[in-house]
Amino acid sequence: MATEIAYSEITSWSDEALNDELLATKMKLTKLRFNHAITPLENTNVLGETKKHIARIQTELRKRQLSKQA
């Protein structure tokens, strides 16, 4: 995952790619949290950026789910 991926790029991904990225990003966040608990991270902004990336992916998945229902 790049440090910052534009939302416009996320919208072009397939559903499968979004789900794969979501799982990978959640695993990354979990590892970052454990590492931060053991030894503090030098750049704690990574935690916030990762959570925002997860939110962007979930937003796009929800948007697609609602458009299929309509």
N, C-alpha and C. Protein backbone atom coordinates (compact mmCIF):
# COMPACT_ATOMS: atom_id res chain seq x y z
N MET A 1 0.83 -1.17 0.00
CA MET A 1 0.00 0.00 0.00
C MET A 1 0.88 1.23 0.00
N ALA A 2 0.58 2.16 -0.87
CA ALA A 2 1.31 3.42 -0.92
C ALA A 2 0.91 4.26 0.29
N THR A 3 1.71 5.27 0.57
CA THR A 3 1.39 6.11 1.71
C THR A 3 0.04 6.79 1.55
N GLU A 4 -0.26 7.23 0.33
CA GLU A 4 -1.55 7.86 0.11
C GLU A 4 -2.08 7.46 -1.26
N ILE A 5 -3.22 6.82 -1.26
CA ILE A 5 -3.86 6.41 -2.51
C ILE A 5 -5.10 7.28 -2.67
N ALA A 6 -5.22 7.90 -3.82
CA ALA A 6 -6.35 8.79 -4.08
C ALA A 6 -7.65 7.98 -4.16
N TYR A 7 -8.73 8.61 -3.70
CA TYR A 7 -10.02 7.94 -3.73
C TYR A 7 -10.43 7.62 -5.16
N SER A 8 -10.06 8.49 -6.09
CA SER A 8 -10.39 8.25 -7.50
C SER A 8 -9.74 6.97 -8.02
N GLU A 9 -8.57 6.63 -7.48
CA GLU A 9 -7.91 5.38 -7.87
C GLU A 9 -8.64 4.18 -7.28
N ILE A 10 -9.12 4.32 -6.06
CA ILE A 10 -9.84 3.23 -5.39
C ILE A 10 -11.13 2.91 -6.14
N THR A 11 -11.79 3.92 -6.67
CA THR A 11 -13.06 3.69 -7.37
C THR A 11 -12.89 2.86 -8.64
N SER A 12 -11.67 2.83 -9.18
CA SER A 12 -11.45 2.06 -10.41
C SER A 12 -11.13 0.59 -10.13
N TRP A 13 -10.92 0.22 -8.87
CA TRP A 13 -10.60 -1.16 -8.52
C TRP A 13 -11.85 -2.03 -8.58
N SER A 14 -11.65 -3.34 -8.82
CA SER A 14 -12.77 -4.28 -8.82
C SER A 14 -13.17 -4.59 -7.37
N ASP A 15 -14.34 -5.19 -7.21
CA ASP A 15 -14.81 -5.56 -5.87
C ASP A 15 -13.84 -6.53 -5.20
N GLU A 16 -13.34 -7.48 -5.97
CA GLU A 16 -12.41 -8.46 -5.42
C GLU A 16 -11.11 -7.79 -4.96
N ALA A 17 -10.62 -6.87 -5.76
CA ALA A 17 -9.40 -6.15 -5.40
C ALA A 17 -9.61 -5.30 -4.15
N LEU A 18 -10.80 -4.70 -4.03
CA LEU A 18 -11.11 -3.91 -2.84
C LEU A 18 -11.14 -4.79 -1.59
N ASN A 19 -11.78 -5.95 -1.70
CA ASN A 19 -11.85 -6.85 -0.55
C ASN A 19 -10.46 -7.36 -0.16
N ASP A 20 -9.63 -7.68 -1.15
CA ASP A 20 -8.27 -8.13 -0.86
C ASP A 20 -7.47 -7.03 -0.18
N GLU A 21 -7.58 -5.81 -0.70
CA GLU A 21 -6.86 -4.68 -0.11
C GLU A 21 -7.36 -4.38 1.30
N LEU A 22 -8.66 -4.52 1.52
CA LEU A 22 -9.24 -4.29 2.84
C LEU A 22 -8.66 -5.27 3.86
N LEU A 23 -8.63 -6.55 3.49
CA LEU A 23 -8.07 -7.55 4.40
C LEU A 23 -6.59 -7.29 4.69
N ALA A 24 -5.84 -6.99 3.64
CA ALA A 24 -4.41 -6.73 3.80
C ALA A 24 -4.16 -5.50 4.67
N THR A 25 -4.96 -4.48 4.48
CA THR A 25 -4.78 -3.24 5.24
C THR A 25 -5.17 -3.44 6.70
N LYS A 26 -6.22 -4.22 6.95
CA LYS A 26 -6.59 -4.50 8.33
C LYS A 26 -5.50 -5.30 9.04
N MET A 27 -4.90 -6.25 8.33
CA MET A 27 -3.79 -7.01 8.92
C MET A 27 -2.60 -6.09 9.21
N LYS A 28 -2.34 -5.17 8.29
CA LYS A 28 -1.24 -4.22 8.48
C LYS A 28 -1.49 -3.36 9.72
N LEU A 29 -2.74 -2.89 9.90
CA LEU A 29 -3.08 -2.07 11.05
C LEU A 29 -2.90 -2.85 12.35
N THR A 30 -3.31 -4.10 12.34
CA THR A 30 -3.15 -4.94 13.53
C THR A 30 -1.68 -5.10 13.89
N LYS A 31 -0.85 -5.37 12.90
CA LYS A 31 0.58 -5.51 13.14
C LYS A 31 1.20 -4.21 13.63
N LEU A 32 0.77 -3.09 13.05
CA LEU A 32 1.29 -1.80 13.49
C LEU A 32 0.92 -1.52 14.94
N ARG A 33 -0.32 -1.86 15.31
CA ARG A 33 -0.75 -1.64 16.70
C ARG A 33 0.06 -2.48 17.67
N PHE A 34 0.30 -3.75 17.33
CA PHE A 34 1.11 -4.60 18.21
C PHE A 34 2.53 -4.07 18.30
N ASN A 35 3.11 -3.70 17.17
CA ASN A 35 4.47 -3.17 17.19
C ASN A 35 4.55 -1.88 17.99
N HIS A 36 3.53 -1.05 17.89
CA HIS A 36 3.52 0.21 18.62
C HIS A 36 3.39 -0.03 20.13
N ALA A 37 2.68 -1.07 20.51
CA ALA A 37 2.52 -1.39 21.93
C ALA A 37 3.83 -1.89 22.52
N ILE A 38 4.59 -2.63 21.74
CA ILE A 38 5.85 -3.18 22.23
C ILE A 38 6.96 -2.13 22.21
N THR A 39 7.19 -1.55 21.05
CA THR A 39 8.17 -0.47 20.92
C THR A 39 7.52 0.65 20.14
N PRO A 40 7.49 1.85 20.68
CA PRO A 40 6.80 2.95 20.01
C PRO A 40 7.31 3.18 18.59
N LEU A 41 6.36 3.45 17.69
CA LEU A 41 6.70 3.73 16.30
C LEU A 41 7.34 5.11 16.20
N GLU A 42 8.25 5.25 15.25
CA GLU A 42 8.86 6.55 15.04
C GLU A 42 7.86 7.52 14.44
N ASN A 43 7.03 7.03 13.54
CA ASN A 43 6.03 7.87 12.89
C ASN A 43 4.65 7.30 13.19
N THR A 44 4.00 7.85 14.20
CA THR A 44 2.69 7.34 14.60
C THR A 44 1.58 7.77 13.64
N ASN A 45 1.88 8.67 12.73
CA ASN A 45 0.88 9.09 11.73
C ASN A 45 0.49 7.92 10.83
N VAL A 46 1.32 6.92 10.76
CA VAL A 46 1.04 5.75 9.92
C VAL A 46 -0.25 5.07 10.39
N LEU A 47 -0.48 5.06 11.70
CA LEU A 47 -1.70 4.44 12.23
C LEU A 47 -2.94 5.17 11.70
N GLY A 48 -2.95 6.47 11.75
CA GLY A 48 -4.08 7.25 11.27
C GLY A 48 -4.28 7.12 9.77
N GLU A 49 -3.17 7.14 9.02
CA GLU A 49 -3.26 7.00 7.57
C GLU A 49 -3.84 5.64 7.19
N THR A 50 -3.44 4.61 7.92
CA THR A 50 -3.94 3.27 7.64
C THR A 50 -5.43 3.16 7.93
N LYS A 51 -5.87 3.76 9.04
CA LYS A 51 -7.29 3.75 9.36
C LYS A 51 -8.10 4.51 8.32
N LYS A 52 -7.56 5.61 7.83
CA LYS A 52 -8.26 6.38 6.80
C LYS A 52 -8.35 5.59 5.50
N HIS A 53 -7.30 4.83 5.18
CA HIS A 53 -7.31 4.01 3.98
C HIS A 53 -8.39 2.93 4.09
N ILE A 54 -8.51 2.32 5.26
CA ILE A 54 -9.54 1.32 5.49
C ILE A 54 -10.92 1.96 5.31
N ALA A 55 -11.11 3.16 5.85
CA ALA A 55 -12.40 3.85 5.74
C ALA A 55 -12.73 4.16 4.28
N ARG A 56 -11.74 4.56 3.50
CA ARG A 56 -11.98 4.85 2.08
C ARG A 56 -12.45 3.59 1.34
N ILE A 57 -11.80 2.48 1.62
CA ILE A 57 -12.17 1.23 0.96
C ILE A 57 -13.58 0.80 1.37
N GLN A 58 -13.88 0.89 2.67
CA GLN A 58 -15.21 0.51 3.15
C GLN A 58 -16.29 1.42 2.58
N THR A 59 -15.97 2.70 2.41
CA THR A 59 -16.92 3.64 1.82
C THR A 59 -17.25 3.25 0.38
N GLU A 60 -16.23 2.91 -0.38
CA GLU A 60 -16.45 2.53 -1.77
C GLU A 60 -17.24 1.22 -1.86
N LEU A 61 -16.93 0.25 -1.00
CA LEU A 61 -17.68 -1.01 -1.00
C LEU A 61 -19.15 -0.76 -0.65
N ARG A 62 -19.41 0.09 0.32
CA ARG A 62 -20.79 0.40 0.73
C ARG A 62 -21.52 1.14 -0.39
N LYS A 63 -20.83 2.05 -1.05
CA LYS A 63 -21.44 2.79 -2.17
C LYS A 63 -21.86 1.83 -3.28
N ARG A 64 -21.02 0.86 -3.57
CA ARG A 64 -21.34 -0.12 -4.60
C ARG A 64 -22.50 -1.01 -4.17
N GLN A 65 -22.52 -1.37 -2.88
CA GLN A 65 -23.60 -2.21 -2.37
C GLN A 65 -24.94 -1.48 -2.49
N LEU A 66 -24.96 -0.20 -2.15
CA LEU A 66 -26.21 0.58 -2.23
C LEU A 66 -26.64 0.80 -3.67
N SER A 67 -25.69 0.96 -4.59
CA SER A 67 -26.06 1.17 -5.99
C SER A 67 -26.64 -0.10 -6.61
N LYS A 68 -26.24 -1.26 -6.11
CA LYS A 68 -26.80 -2.52 -6.61
C LYS A 68 -28.24 -2.71 -6.13
N GLN A 69 -28.55 -2.20 -4.95
CA GLN A 69 -29.89 -2.33 -4.39
C GLN A 69 -30.88 -1.40 -5.08
N ALA A 70 -30.41 -0.27 -5.54
CA ALA A 70 -31.31 0.74 -6.14
C ALA A 70 -31.73 0.39 -7.55
